[in-house]
Amino acid sequence: MNLNIVNCTLKHRAVLAQIGASTFYQSYKDENTEADMQAYIQDTYTIEKMIECLNNKNIIYFLAYKDTGDVGYVKLLLNQTNEKLIGLTAEIEKIYVRKEFHGKGIAQQLMAHVKQYCVQKSYKNLYLGVWQQNHKALKFYCKEGFKTFDTRTFQLGARLCDDYMLSYDL
């Protein structure tokens, strides 16, 4: 399935908030309390938060869509630092694909787009954090060439989650 992938602007704020909230909820509702899920969604996927992120020069969103509408996005944090990575570094903070489009190669196309963008901008490293229990995502990232280099914790409401940190040399 061929996609169109665009750099987002303020006009995309509502669709980014909607995809983020719905995809996050579908993906993690079974492992977390409803209160923790709602607190995270209400803090992370508001229109105001999207505007704040879209106005930040160190954050870029890539929205994937096809003729029937939007299917997913990537949130990329530019000019990041990590003591274990040397050189210009970017972080994939979110890569979300609507559930009905899982298994159709969309995440692979989004990842290829991000890698190409980072190479064009002379980045040396791309990294991300992924929940240690998200085996499907871990398999995908390993298939994409990412390697574990560290761990960190992620706060989801009252719960602390353990993440693997994975990097990709560009």
C-alpha atoms as a PDB file:
ATOM      1  CA  MET A   1       0.000   0.000   0.000  1.00  0.00           C
ATOM      2  CA  ASN A   2       1.580   3.246  -1.121  1.00  0.00           C
ATOM      3  CA  LEU A   3       1.130   6.185   1.183  1.00  0.00           C
ATOM      4  CA  ASN A   4       1.467   9.905   1.058  1.00  0.00           C
ATOM      5  CA  ILE A   5       3.554  11.166   3.947  1.00  0.00           C
ATOM      6  CA  VAL A   6       3.541  14.868   4.780  1.00  0.00           C
ATOM      7  CA  ASN A   7       5.205  17.134   7.329  1.00  0.00           C
ATOM      8  CA  CYS A   8       2.476  18.292   9.673  1.00  0.00           C
ATOM      9  CA  THR A   9       1.461  21.873  10.349  1.00  0.00           C
ATOM     10  CA  LEU A  10      -1.028  23.414  12.742  1.00  0.00           C
ATOM     11  CA  LYS A  11      -3.863  22.378  10.434  1.00  0.00           C
ATOM     12  CA  HIS A  12      -3.126  18.735  11.409  1.00  0.00           C
ATOM     13  CA  ARG A  13      -3.481  19.283  15.180  1.00  0.00           C
ATOM     14  CA  ALA A  14      -6.904  17.656  15.544  1.00  0.00           C
ATOM     15  CA  VAL A  15      -6.097  14.544  13.524  1.00  0.00           C
ATOM     16  CA  LEU A  16      -2.810  14.057  15.428  1.00  0.00           C
ATOM     17  CA  ALA A  17      -4.641  14.337  18.756  1.00  0.00           C
ATOM     18  CA  GLN A  18      -7.339  11.909  17.620  1.00  0.00           C
ATOM     19  CA  ILE A  19      -4.947   9.286  16.192  1.00  0.00           C
ATOM     20  CA  GLY A  20      -2.683   9.557  19.241  1.00  0.00           C
ATOM     21  CA  ALA A  21      -5.463   9.194  21.802  1.00  0.00           C
ATOM     22  CA  SER A  22      -7.311   6.377  20.058  1.00  0.00           C
ATOM     23  CA  THR A  23      -4.220   4.379  19.117  1.00  0.00           C
ATOM     24  CA  PHE A  24      -2.638   4.712  22.546  1.00  0.00           C
ATOM     25  CA  TYR A  25      -5.884   3.684  24.234  1.00  0.00           C
ATOM     26  CA  GLN A  26      -6.417   0.647  21.979  1.00  0.00           C
ATOM     27  CA  SER A  27      -2.826  -0.459  22.432  1.00  0.00           C
ATOM     28  CA  TYR A  28      -2.465  -0.180  26.203  1.00  0.00           C
ATOM     29  CA  LYS A  29      -5.928  -0.240  27.822  1.00  0.00           C
ATOM     30  CA  ASP A  30      -5.670  -3.905  28.801  1.00  0.00           C
ATOM     31  CA  GLU A  31      -2.435  -3.409  30.757  1.00  0.00           C
ATOM     32  CA  ASN A  32      -3.366  -0.213  32.627  1.00  0.00           C
ATOM     33  CA  THR A  33      -6.116   1.192  34.793  1.00  0.00           C
ATOM     34  CA  GLU A  34      -8.755   3.358  33.157  1.00  0.00           C
ATOM     35  CA  ALA A  35      -7.730   6.245  35.426  1.00  0.00           C
ATOM     36  CA  ASP A  36      -4.083   6.025  34.336  1.00  0.00           C
ATOM     37  CA  MET A  37      -5.078   5.785  30.667  1.00  0.00           C
ATOM     38  CA  GLN A  38      -7.383   8.800  30.853  1.00  0.00           C
ATOM     39  CA  ALA A  39      -4.850  10.878  32.792  1.00  0.00           C
ATOM     40  CA  TYR A  40      -2.156  10.184  30.201  1.00  0.00           C
ATOM     41  CA  ILE A  41      -4.455  10.835  27.233  1.00  0.00           C
ATOM     42  CA  GLN A  42      -5.776  14.082  28.723  1.00  0.00           C
ATOM     43  CA  ASP A  43      -2.231  15.281  29.365  1.00  0.00           C
ATOM     44  CA  THR A  44      -0.701  14.181  26.058  1.00  0.00           C
ATOM     45  CA  TYR A  45      -3.278  14.318  23.269  1.00  0.00           C
ATOM     46  CA  THR A  46      -5.088  17.623  23.694  1.00  0.00           C
ATOM     47  CA  ILE A  47      -5.364  20.171  20.903  1.00  0.00           C
ATOM     48  CA  GLU A  48      -3.362  22.583  23.072  1.00  0.00           C
ATOM     49  CA  LYS A  49      -0.549  20.031  23.494  1.00  0.00           C
ATOM     50  CA  MET A  50      -0.518  19.387  19.732  1.00  0.00           C
ATOM     51  CA  ILE A  51      -0.259  23.126  19.029  1.00  0.00           C
ATOM     52  CA  GLU A  52       2.593  23.412  21.534  1.00  0.00           C
ATOM     53  CA  CYS A  53       4.458  20.523  19.883  1.00  0.00           C
ATOM     54  CA  LEU A  54       3.796  21.712  16.323  1.00  0.00           C
ATOM     55  CA  ASN A  55       5.194  25.144  17.241  1.00  0.00           C
ATOM     56  CA  ASN A  56       8.390  23.617  18.669  1.00  0.00           C
ATOM     57  CA  LYS A  57      11.238  23.748  16.123  1.00  0.00           C
ATOM     58  CA  ASN A  58      12.744  20.567  17.602  1.00  0.00           C
ATOM     59  CA  ILE A  59       9.633  18.453  17.001  1.00  0.00           C
ATOM     60  CA  ILE A  60       8.357  17.269  13.654  1.00  0.00           C
ATOM     61  CA  TYR A  61       5.364  15.090  12.855  1.00  0.00           C
ATOM     62  CA  PHE A  62       4.989  13.028   9.698  1.00  0.00           C
ATOM     63  CA  LEU A  63       1.391  12.101   8.865  1.00  0.00           C
ATOM     64  CA  ALA A  64       0.687   9.108   6.617  1.00  0.00           C
ATOM     65  CA  TYR A  65      -2.488   9.015   4.597  1.00  0.00           C
ATOM     66  CA  LYS A  66      -3.988   7.293   1.612  1.00  0.00           C
ATOM     67  CA  ASP A  67      -6.989   8.151  -0.504  1.00  0.00           C
ATOM     68  CA  THR A  68      -9.434   7.039   2.202  1.00  0.00           C
ATOM     69  CA  GLY A  69      -7.852   9.191   4.922  1.00  0.00           C
ATOM     70  CA  ASP A  70      -5.126   9.323   7.542  1.00  0.00           C
ATOM     71  CA  VAL A  71      -3.622   6.062   8.760  1.00  0.00           C
ATOM     72  CA  GLY A  72      -0.853   6.970  11.206  1.00  0.00           C
ATOM     73  CA  TYR A  73       1.969   9.271  12.191  1.00  0.00           C
ATOM     74  CA  VAL A  74       5.450   9.603  13.628  1.00  0.00           C
ATOM     75  CA  LYS A  75       6.532  12.186  16.191  1.00  0.00           C
ATOM     76  CA  LEU A  76      10.258  12.867  15.852  1.00  0.00           C
ATOM     77  CA  LEU A  77      12.258  14.840  18.412  1.00  0.00           C
ATOM     78  CA  LEU A  78      15.196  16.566  16.751  1.00  0.00           C
ATOM     79  CA  ASN A  79      18.599  17.502  18.208  1.00  0.00           C
ATOM     80  CA  GLN A  80      18.396  15.135  21.166  1.00  0.00           C
ATOM     81  CA  THR A  81      21.237  14.085  23.433  1.00  0.00           C
ATOM     82  CA  ASN A  82      21.958  10.785  25.060  1.00  0.00           C
ATOM     83  CA  GLU A  83      25.209  10.133  26.884  1.00  0.00           C
ATOM     84  CA  LYS A  84      25.513   6.715  25.222  1.00  0.00           C
ATOM     85  CA  LEU A  85      25.096   8.013  21.656  1.00  0.00           C
ATOM     86  CA  ILE A  86      27.670  10.126  19.820  1.00  0.00           C
ATOM     87  CA  GLY A  87      26.793  12.622  17.121  1.00  0.00           C
ATOM     88  CA  LEU A  88      23.642  14.392  15.982  1.00  0.00           C
ATOM     89  CA  THR A  89      20.722  12.377  17.356  1.00  0.00           C
ATOM     90  CA  ALA A  90      16.934  12.242  16.864  1.00  0.00           C
ATOM     91  CA  GLU A  91      14.361  10.334  18.900  1.00  0.00           C
ATOM     92  CA  ILE A  92      11.209   8.684  17.615  1.00  0.00           C
ATOM     93  CA  GLU A  93       8.868   9.518  20.461  1.00  0.00           C
ATOM     94  CA  LYS A  94       5.745   8.058  18.871  1.00  0.00           C
ATOM     95  CA  ILE A  95       4.959   5.918  15.873  1.00  0.00           C
ATOM     96  CA  TYR A  96       1.264   5.168  15.654  1.00  0.00           C
ATOM     97  CA  VAL A  97      -0.733   3.310  13.023  1.00  0.00           C
ATOM     98  CA  ARG A  98      -4.495   2.954  13.234  1.00  0.00           C
ATOM     99  CA  LYS A  99      -5.370  -0.602  14.266  1.00  0.00           C
ATOM    100  CA  GLU A 100      -7.328  -1.383  11.093  1.00  0.00           C
ATOM    101  CA  PHE A 101      -4.139  -0.739   9.098  1.00  0.00           C
ATOM    102  CA  HIS A 102      -1.796  -2.964  11.125  1.00  0.00           C
ATOM    103  CA  GLY A 103       0.060  -5.522   9.020  1.00  0.00           C
ATOM    104  CA  LYS A 104      -0.172  -3.491   5.818  1.00  0.00           C
ATOM    105  CA  GLY A 105       3.396  -2.131   5.751  1.00  0.00           C
ATOM    106  CA  ILE A 106       2.509   1.342   6.969  1.00  0.00           C
ATOM    107  CA  ALA A 107       4.864   1.360   9.957  1.00  0.00           C
ATOM    108  CA  GLN A 108       7.689   0.220   7.653  1.00  0.00           C
ATOM    109  CA  GLN A 109       6.979   3.079   5.234  1.00  0.00           C
ATOM    110  CA  LEU A 110       6.839   5.602   8.064  1.00  0.00           C
ATOM    111  CA  MET A 111      10.115   4.268   9.456  1.00  0.00           C
ATOM    112  CA  ALA A 112      11.784   4.439   6.031  1.00  0.00           C
ATOM    113  CA  HIS A 113      10.611   8.045   5.699  1.00  0.00           C
ATOM    114  CA  VAL A 114      12.037   8.969   9.119  1.00  0.00           C
ATOM    115  CA  LYS A 115      15.370   7.288   8.367  1.00  0.00           C
ATOM    116  CA  GLN A 116      15.605   9.067   5.012  1.00  0.00           C
ATOM    117  CA  TYR A 117      14.754  12.426   6.610  1.00  0.00           C
ATOM    118  CA  CYS A 118      17.396  11.931   9.310  1.00  0.00           C
ATOM    119  CA  VAL A 119      20.074  10.960   6.795  1.00  0.00           C
ATOM    120  CA  GLN A 120      19.264  14.039   4.681  1.00  0.00           C
ATOM    121  CA  LYS A 121      19.625  16.223   7.799  1.00  0.00           C
ATOM    122  CA  SER A 122      23.002  14.583   8.703  1.00  0.00           C
ATOM    123  CA  TYR A 123      21.812  12.813  11.842  1.00  0.00           C
ATOM    124  CA  LYS A 124      24.072   9.993  13.043  1.00  0.00           C
ATOM    125  CA  ASN A 125      21.689   8.230  15.436  1.00  0.00           C
ATOM    126  CA  LEU A 126      18.013   7.513  15.714  1.00  0.00           C
ATOM    127  CA  TYR A 127      16.665   6.107  18.960  1.00  0.00           C
ATOM    128  CA  LEU A 128      13.434   5.301  20.744  1.00  0.00           C
ATOM    129  CA  GLY A 129      12.030   3.831  23.917  1.00  0.00           C
ATOM    130  CA  VAL A 130       9.665   0.879  23.885  1.00  0.00           C
ATOM    131  CA  TRP A 131       7.858  -0.794  26.773  1.00  0.00           C
ATOM    132  CA  GLN A 132       9.618  -4.051  27.607  1.00  0.00           C
ATOM    133  CA  GLN A 133       6.311  -5.951  27.461  1.00  0.00           C
ATOM    134  CA  ASN A 134       5.426  -4.706  23.964  1.00  0.00           C
ATOM    135  CA  HIS A 135       6.771  -7.762  22.151  1.00  0.00           C
ATOM    136  CA  LYS A 136       5.139  -6.910  18.825  1.00  0.00           C
ATOM    137  CA  ALA A 137       6.836  -3.493  18.732  1.00  0.00           C
ATOM    138  CA  LEU A 138      10.160  -4.933  19.864  1.00  0.00           C
ATOM    139  CA  LYS A 139      10.044  -7.469  17.035  1.00  0.00           C
ATOM    140  CA  PHE A 140       9.269  -4.712  14.521  1.00  0.00           C
ATOM    141  CA  TYR A 141      12.111  -2.460  15.707  1.00  0.00           C
ATOM    142  CA  CYS A 142      14.621  -5.310  15.681  1.00  0.00           C
ATOM    143  CA  LYS A 143      13.537  -6.166  12.144  1.00  0.00           C
ATOM    144  CA  GLU A 144      14.137  -2.501  11.273  1.00  0.00           C
ATOM    145  CA  GLY A 145      17.724  -2.746  12.513  1.00  0.00           C
ATOM    146  CA  PHE A 146      17.392  -1.163  15.960  1.00  0.00           C
ATOM    147  CA  LYS A 147      19.534  -2.533  18.792  1.00  0.00           C
ATOM    148  CA  THR A 148      19.026  -2.262  22.554  1.00  0.00           C
ATOM    149  CA  PHE A 149      21.537   0.057  24.239  1.00  0.00           C
ATOM    150  CA  ASP A 150      19.930   1.019  27.560  1.00  0.00           C
ATOM    151  CA  THR A 151      16.767   1.027  29.701  1.00  0.00           C
ATOM    152  CA  ARG A 152      14.629   3.755  31.273  1.00  0.00           C
ATOM    153  CA  THR A 153      11.370   4.121  33.155  1.00  0.00           C
ATOM    154  CA  PHE A 154       8.224   5.708  31.745  1.00  0.00           C
ATOM    155  CA  GLN A 155       5.505   7.176  33.963  1.00  0.00           C
ATOM    156  CA  LEU A 156       1.956   6.262  32.955  1.00  0.00           C
ATOM    157  CA  GLY A 157      -0.340   7.761  35.562  1.00  0.00           C
ATOM    158  CA  ALA A 158       0.548   6.137  38.873  1.00  0.00           C
ATOM    159  CA  ARG A 159       2.434   3.310  37.171  1.00  0.00           C
ATOM    160  CA  LEU A 160       6.138   3.142  36.313  1.00  0.00           C
ATOM    161  CA  CYS A 161       6.849   1.117  33.185  1.00  0.00           C
ATOM    162  CA  ASP A 162      10.231  -0.273  32.144  1.00  0.00           C
ATOM    163  CA  ASP A 163      11.354   0.604  28.626  1.00  0.00           C
ATOM    164  CA  TYR A 164      14.166  -0.668  26.466  1.00  0.00           C
ATOM    165  CA  MET A 165      16.102   2.034  24.667  1.00  0.00           C
ATOM    166  CA  LEU A 166      16.891   1.054  21.080  1.00  0.00           C
ATOM    167  CA  SER A 167      19.141   2.849  18.610  1.00  0.00           C
ATOM    168  CA  TYR A 168      19.779   2.786  14.898  1.00  0.00           C
ATOM    169  CA  ASP A 169      23.024   4.009  13.343  1.00  0.00           C
ATOM    170  CA  LEU A 170      22.333   6.171  10.316  1.00  0.00           C
END
